[in-house]
N, C-alpha and C. Protein backbone atom coordinates (compact mmCIF):
# COMPACT_ATOMS: atom_id res chain seq x y z
N MET A 1 89.47 -15.80 25.16
CA MET A 1 90.74 -15.21 24.87
C MET A 1 90.64 -13.76 25.75
N ASN A 2 89.51 -13.18 25.50
CA ASN A 2 89.56 -12.03 26.29
C ASN A 2 89.09 -12.23 27.91
N LEU A 3 88.41 -13.01 28.13
CA LEU A 3 88.07 -13.58 29.31
C LEU A 3 89.29 -13.93 30.11
N GLN A 4 90.20 -14.69 29.67
CA GLN A 4 91.60 -14.92 30.16
C GLN A 4 92.49 -13.70 30.52
N ARG A 5 92.41 -12.82 29.45
CA ARG A 5 93.21 -11.52 29.81
C ARG A 5 92.76 -10.75 30.95
N VAL A 6 91.26 -10.70 31.15
CA VAL A 6 90.65 -9.91 32.27
C VAL A 6 91.22 -10.75 33.67
N ARG A 7 91.09 -11.96 33.79
CA ARG A 7 91.45 -12.49 34.80
C ARG A 7 92.88 -12.43 35.17
N THR A 8 93.83 -12.47 34.17
CA THR A 8 95.21 -12.47 34.31
C THR A 8 95.48 -10.82 34.86
N HIS A 9 94.49 -9.66 34.70
CA HIS A 9 95.07 -8.60 35.12
C HIS A 9 94.53 -8.27 36.59
N SER A 10 93.10 -9.16 36.68
CA SER A 10 92.50 -9.16 37.87
C SER A 10 93.35 -9.74 39.05
N MET A 11 93.98 -10.74 38.63
CA MET A 11 95.06 -11.36 39.66
C MET A 11 96.32 -10.65 39.83
N LYS A 12 96.69 -10.10 38.91
CA LYS A 12 97.82 -9.09 39.02
C LYS A 12 97.50 -7.90 40.05
N ALA A 13 96.28 -7.54 39.95
CA ALA A 13 95.91 -6.31 40.69
C ALA A 13 95.82 -6.98 42.15
N LEU A 14 95.31 -8.21 42.34
CA LEU A 14 95.08 -8.52 43.74
C LEU A 14 96.23 -8.65 44.20
N LEU A 15 97.21 -9.37 43.65
CA LEU A 15 98.70 -9.66 44.11
C LEU A 15 99.42 -8.32 44.55
N LEU A 16 99.03 -7.14 43.67
CA LEU A 16 99.62 -6.04 43.95
C LEU A 16 98.99 -5.30 45.44
N LEU A 17 97.78 -5.45 45.44
CA LEU A 17 96.94 -4.98 46.40
C LEU A 17 97.45 -5.74 47.83
N TYR A 18 97.41 -6.84 47.91
CA TYR A 18 97.96 -7.85 48.78
C TYR A 18 99.63 -7.46 49.46
N MET A 19 100.51 -7.17 48.22
CA MET A 19 101.68 -6.94 48.67
C MET A 19 101.90 -5.25 49.26
N LEU A 20 100.93 -4.35 48.92
CA LEU A 20 101.03 -3.15 49.26
C LEU A 20 100.47 -3.37 51.03
N LEU A 21 99.37 -4.02 51.15
CA LEU A 21 98.88 -4.03 52.46
C LEU A 21 99.81 -4.73 53.44
N LEU A 22 100.35 -5.67 53.02
CA LEU A 22 101.57 -6.49 53.94
C LEU A 22 102.60 -5.43 54.29
N GLY A 23 103.04 -4.70 53.22
CA GLY A 23 104.01 -3.84 53.35
C GLY A 23 103.53 -2.82 54.30
N SER A 24 102.59 -2.30 54.33
CA SER A 24 101.98 -1.39 55.59
C SER A 24 101.79 -1.76 56.71
N LEU A 25 101.37 -3.03 56.81
CA LEU A 25 101.26 -3.52 58.09
C LEU A 25 102.68 -3.81 58.89
N SER A 26 103.60 -4.26 58.01
CA SER A 26 105.18 -4.71 58.89
C SER A 26 105.34 -3.17 59.06
N ALA A 27 105.34 -1.97 58.66
CA ALA A 27 105.68 -0.89 58.89
C ALA A 27 105.26 -0.54 60.43
N PHE A 28 104.19 -1.08 60.59
CA PHE A 28 103.34 -0.58 61.85
C PHE A 28 104.05 -1.35 63.19
N ALA A 29 104.45 -2.72 62.81
CA ALA A 29 104.87 -3.58 63.75
C ALA A 29 106.50 -3.61 63.93
N GLN A 30 107.24 -2.73 63.64
CA GLN A 30 108.70 -2.47 63.74
C GLN A 30 109.21 -2.57 65.15
N ASP A 31 110.32 -3.24 65.20
CA ASP A 31 111.22 -3.47 66.41
C ASP A 31 112.21 -2.49 66.28
N PHE A 32 112.89 -2.15 67.34
CA PHE A 32 113.83 -1.34 67.35
C PHE A 32 115.25 -1.89 68.23
N ILE A 33 116.36 -1.60 67.55
CA ILE A 33 117.46 -2.07 68.30
C ILE A 33 118.24 -1.37 68.85
N ILE A 34 118.53 -1.39 70.23
CA ILE A 34 119.57 -0.34 70.91
C ILE A 34 120.68 -1.20 71.43
N LYS A 35 121.74 -0.47 71.47
CA LYS A 35 123.12 -0.83 72.04
C LYS A 35 123.50 0.05 73.15
N GLY A 36 124.52 -0.60 73.96
CA GLY A 36 125.43 0.20 74.66
C GLY A 36 126.29 -0.39 75.68
N ARG A 37 126.75 0.12 76.76
CA ARG A 37 127.49 -0.30 77.87
C ARG A 37 127.09 0.22 79.12
N VAL A 38 127.52 -0.79 79.95
CA VAL A 38 127.12 -0.62 81.33
C VAL A 38 128.49 -0.23 82.13
N THR A 39 128.59 0.66 83.01
CA THR A 39 129.70 0.81 83.95
C THR A 39 129.41 1.17 85.21
N ASP A 40 130.32 1.25 85.98
CA ASP A 40 130.07 1.59 87.53
C ASP A 40 130.43 2.96 87.73
N GLU A 41 130.16 3.55 88.95
CA GLU A 41 130.78 4.97 89.13
C GLU A 41 132.19 5.27 88.78
N LYS A 42 133.18 4.26 88.83
CA LYS A 42 134.49 4.47 88.48
C LYS A 42 134.69 4.17 87.16
N GLY A 43 133.82 3.92 86.30
CA GLY A 43 133.87 3.79 84.80
C GLY A 43 134.31 2.29 84.42
N GLU A 44 134.50 1.65 85.58
CA GLU A 44 134.71 0.09 85.06
C GLU A 44 133.30 -0.70 84.51
N LEU A 45 133.76 -1.28 83.48
CA LEU A 45 132.63 -2.03 82.76
C LEU A 45 132.09 -3.24 83.47
N MET A 46 130.72 -3.57 83.37
CA MET A 46 130.24 -4.24 84.34
C MET A 46 129.57 -5.56 83.48
N THR A 47 129.88 -6.75 83.88
CA THR A 47 129.34 -8.01 83.55
C THR A 47 128.14 -8.52 84.14
N GLY A 48 127.14 -8.91 83.50
CA GLY A 48 126.03 -9.79 84.14
C GLY A 48 124.97 -8.71 84.42
N VAL A 49 124.95 -7.60 83.88
CA VAL A 49 123.78 -6.63 84.57
C VAL A 49 122.54 -6.76 83.79
N SER A 50 121.54 -7.14 84.33
CA SER A 50 120.11 -7.40 83.56
C SER A 50 119.59 -6.23 83.02
N ILE A 51 119.04 -6.15 81.90
CA ILE A 51 118.47 -5.01 81.03
C ILE A 51 117.20 -5.23 80.56
N LYS A 52 116.22 -5.05 80.97
CA LYS A 52 114.70 -5.22 80.45
C LYS A 52 113.71 -4.26 79.80
N GLU A 53 113.10 -4.37 78.80
CA GLU A 53 112.29 -3.22 78.36
C GLU A 53 110.94 -3.45 79.38
N LYS A 54 110.92 -2.51 80.15
CA LYS A 54 109.50 -2.58 81.08
C LYS A 54 108.30 -2.82 80.26
N GLY A 55 107.58 -3.48 80.93
CA GLY A 55 106.20 -4.25 80.44
C GLY A 55 106.17 -5.24 79.21
N THR A 56 107.52 -5.74 79.14
CA THR A 56 107.63 -6.77 77.92
C THR A 56 108.46 -7.77 78.38
N ASN A 57 108.68 -8.73 77.47
CA ASN A 57 109.40 -9.99 77.93
C ASN A 57 110.80 -9.70 77.25
N SER A 58 111.26 -8.56 76.57
CA SER A 58 112.50 -8.13 76.10
C SER A 58 113.49 -8.11 77.25
N ILE A 59 114.70 -9.10 77.27
CA ILE A 59 115.47 -8.91 78.13
C ILE A 59 116.72 -9.33 77.51
N THR A 60 117.75 -8.72 78.29
CA THR A 60 119.01 -9.18 77.93
C THR A 60 120.01 -8.94 79.13
N VAL A 61 121.37 -9.35 78.81
CA VAL A 61 122.41 -9.16 80.07
C VAL A 61 123.56 -8.91 79.45
N THR A 62 124.41 -8.19 80.03
CA THR A 62 125.69 -7.51 79.46
C THR A 62 126.63 -8.69 79.42
N ASP A 63 127.46 -8.51 78.22
CA ASP A 63 128.55 -9.44 78.04
C ASP A 63 129.80 -9.16 78.91
N ILE A 64 130.65 -9.90 78.73
CA ILE A 64 132.12 -9.78 79.52
C ILE A 64 132.65 -8.21 79.32
N ASP A 65 132.38 -7.64 78.28
CA ASP A 65 133.18 -6.19 77.85
C ASP A 65 131.85 -5.14 78.32
N GLY A 66 130.94 -5.57 79.19
CA GLY A 66 129.70 -4.52 79.46
C GLY A 66 128.81 -4.05 78.66
N GLN A 67 128.62 -4.66 77.37
CA GLN A 67 128.27 -4.41 76.23
C GLN A 67 126.98 -5.17 76.15
N TYR A 68 125.63 -4.41 75.65
CA TYR A 68 124.51 -5.06 75.50
C TYR A 68 123.96 -4.56 74.31
N SER A 69 122.90 -5.57 73.70
CA SER A 69 122.15 -5.33 72.69
C SER A 69 120.64 -5.68 72.74
N LEU A 70 119.81 -4.89 72.91
CA LEU A 70 118.31 -5.37 73.05
C LEU A 70 117.28 -4.83 72.05
N LYS A 71 116.27 -5.70 71.68
CA LYS A 71 115.28 -5.40 70.79
C LYS A 71 114.04 -4.83 71.38
N LEU A 72 113.92 -3.63 71.21
CA LEU A 72 112.86 -3.02 71.63
C LEU A 72 111.56 -3.02 71.03
N HIS A 73 109.98 -3.00 71.69
CA HIS A 73 108.99 -3.07 70.96
C HIS A 73 108.24 -1.70 70.71
N SER A 74 109.12 -0.54 71.20
CA SER A 74 108.33 0.75 71.27
C SER A 74 109.41 1.72 70.99
N GLU A 75 108.82 2.83 70.13
CA GLU A 75 110.01 3.72 69.82
C GLU A 75 110.83 4.21 71.18
N LYS A 76 109.58 4.90 72.13
CA LYS A 76 110.04 5.36 73.26
C LYS A 76 109.84 4.18 74.35
N ALA A 77 110.91 3.64 75.09
CA ALA A 77 110.78 2.60 75.87
C ALA A 77 111.33 2.87 77.40
N THR A 78 110.92 2.30 78.21
CA THR A 78 111.75 2.34 79.41
C THR A 78 112.59 1.10 80.02
N LEU A 79 113.80 1.19 80.08
CA LEU A 79 114.65 0.09 80.38
C LEU A 79 114.73 -0.14 81.98
N VAL A 80 114.61 -1.32 82.63
CA VAL A 80 114.85 -1.40 83.86
C VAL A 80 116.18 -2.31 84.13
N VAL A 81 117.09 -1.40 84.56
CA VAL A 81 118.47 -2.20 84.83
C VAL A 81 118.77 -2.37 86.37
N THR A 82 119.25 -3.83 86.58
CA THR A 82 119.43 -4.10 87.63
C THR A 82 120.81 -5.04 87.91
N PHE A 83 121.44 -5.12 89.02
CA PHE A 83 122.23 -5.89 89.39
C PHE A 83 122.74 -5.88 90.81
N ILE A 84 123.05 -6.77 91.51
CA ILE A 84 123.21 -7.24 92.85
C ILE A 84 124.09 -6.33 93.33
N GLY A 85 123.61 -5.51 94.57
CA GLY A 85 124.66 -4.61 94.99
C GLY A 85 124.35 -3.07 94.45
N TYR A 86 123.71 -2.99 93.49
CA TYR A 86 123.62 -1.79 92.84
C TYR A 86 122.19 -1.31 93.00
N GLN A 87 121.85 0.00 92.70
CA GLN A 87 120.57 0.65 92.81
C GLN A 87 119.95 0.25 91.31
N ALA A 88 118.62 -0.33 91.16
CA ALA A 88 117.98 -0.20 90.27
C ALA A 88 117.78 0.57 89.72
N GLN A 89 117.60 0.97 88.24
CA GLN A 89 117.42 2.23 87.81
C GLN A 89 116.27 1.88 86.49
N GLU A 90 115.35 2.97 86.32
CA GLU A 90 114.40 2.86 85.06
C GLU A 90 115.12 4.12 84.33
N VAL A 91 115.46 3.65 82.92
CA VAL A 91 115.98 4.50 82.05
C VAL A 91 115.23 4.89 80.80
N ASN A 92 114.66 6.01 80.42
CA ASN A 92 113.93 6.29 79.37
C ASN A 92 114.78 6.30 78.06
N VAL A 93 114.30 5.59 77.13
CA VAL A 93 115.19 5.71 75.80
C VAL A 93 114.30 6.11 74.78
N ASN A 94 114.97 6.80 73.78
CA ASN A 94 114.37 7.05 72.36
C ASN A 94 115.17 6.56 71.60
N THR A 95 114.50 5.46 70.58
CA THR A 95 115.42 4.57 69.73
C THR A 95 116.06 5.58 68.50
N LYS A 96 115.59 6.81 68.61
CA LYS A 96 116.44 7.47 67.35
C LYS A 96 118.10 7.35 67.65
N ASP A 97 118.37 7.45 69.00
CA ASP A 97 119.47 7.41 69.48
C ASP A 97 119.88 5.90 69.53
N LYS A 98 120.65 5.40 68.66
CA LYS A 98 120.85 4.01 68.80
C LYS A 98 121.85 3.42 69.68
N ILE A 99 122.52 4.34 70.56
CA ILE A 99 123.25 3.92 71.66
C ILE A 99 122.92 4.44 72.95
N HIS A 100 123.02 3.64 74.04
CA HIS A 100 122.61 4.31 75.38
C HIS A 100 123.63 3.40 76.25
N ASP A 101 124.33 4.25 76.69
CA ASP A 101 125.08 3.89 77.88
C ASP A 101 124.63 4.17 79.10
N ILE A 102 124.78 3.21 80.04
CA ILE A 102 124.26 3.47 81.47
C ILE A 102 125.20 3.42 82.46
N MET A 103 125.37 4.07 83.36
CA MET A 103 126.18 4.09 84.64
C MET A 103 125.27 3.90 85.91
N MET A 104 125.79 2.62 86.43
CA MET A 104 125.18 2.01 87.87
C MET A 104 125.76 2.63 88.81
N THR A 105 125.00 3.14 90.14
CA THR A 105 125.40 3.42 91.29
C THR A 105 125.09 2.44 92.25
N GLU A 106 126.35 2.19 93.33
CA GLU A 106 126.10 1.26 94.40
C GLU A 106 125.07 1.63 95.24
N ASN A 107 124.70 0.46 96.00
CA ASN A 107 123.49 0.48 96.86
C ASN A 107 124.26 0.15 97.98
N VAL A 108 124.94 1.01 98.77
CA VAL A 108 125.68 0.63 100.04
C VAL A 108 124.68 0.28 101.07
N THR A 109 123.40 0.42 101.05
CA THR A 109 122.68 -0.17 102.20
C THR A 109 122.00 -1.40 102.12
N SER A 110 122.04 -1.84 100.97
CA SER A 110 121.94 -3.22 100.65
C SER A 110 122.36 -4.57 101.08
N LEU A 111 123.67 -4.04 101.37
CA LEU A 111 124.60 -5.16 101.71
C LEU A 111 125.01 -4.85 103.40
N ASP A 112 124.04 -4.65 104.33
CA ASP A 112 124.52 -4.54 105.67
C ASP A 112 125.27 -5.54 106.32
N GLU A 113 124.53 -6.62 106.22
CA GLU A 113 125.35 -7.84 106.77
C GLU A 113 125.01 -9.12 105.77
N VAL A 114 126.21 -10.17 106.12
CA VAL A 114 126.34 -11.14 105.28
C VAL A 114 126.26 -12.39 106.21
N VAL A 115 125.69 -13.50 106.03
CA VAL A 115 125.48 -14.59 106.85
C VAL A 115 126.06 -15.59 106.02
N VAL A 116 127.24 -16.18 106.67
CA VAL A 116 127.90 -17.60 106.29
C VAL A 116 127.46 -18.65 107.03
N THR A 117 127.09 -19.69 106.27
CA THR A 117 126.64 -20.95 107.12
C THR A 117 127.68 -21.96 106.47
N GLY A 118 127.93 -22.90 107.51
CA GLY A 118 128.79 -23.81 106.80
C GLY A 118 128.75 -25.37 107.42
């Protein structure tokens, strides 16, 4: 009977230790979600803008209302923001600020000529 009680207490202690270790490991592997909207220089919302966390595979595209939501793997990340006809941007973000609005600037030199074939 006494041996059974010791085994039960040992199992409970091991289970508690396992839960504590598992909880502490998940605290180090946190992901952070930021949101925002993308506009042009006139304040118009932009659809289809690509937003990527630099150095990762985390990427998203703005919706019809220019809104985006992106899961980041680092508290201090750099976003690479691109759209055809606009200057690519690298935006440093801090996940303490949950909302990051971005304004895109037209790249007037990128569309010098257009070739139409038919």
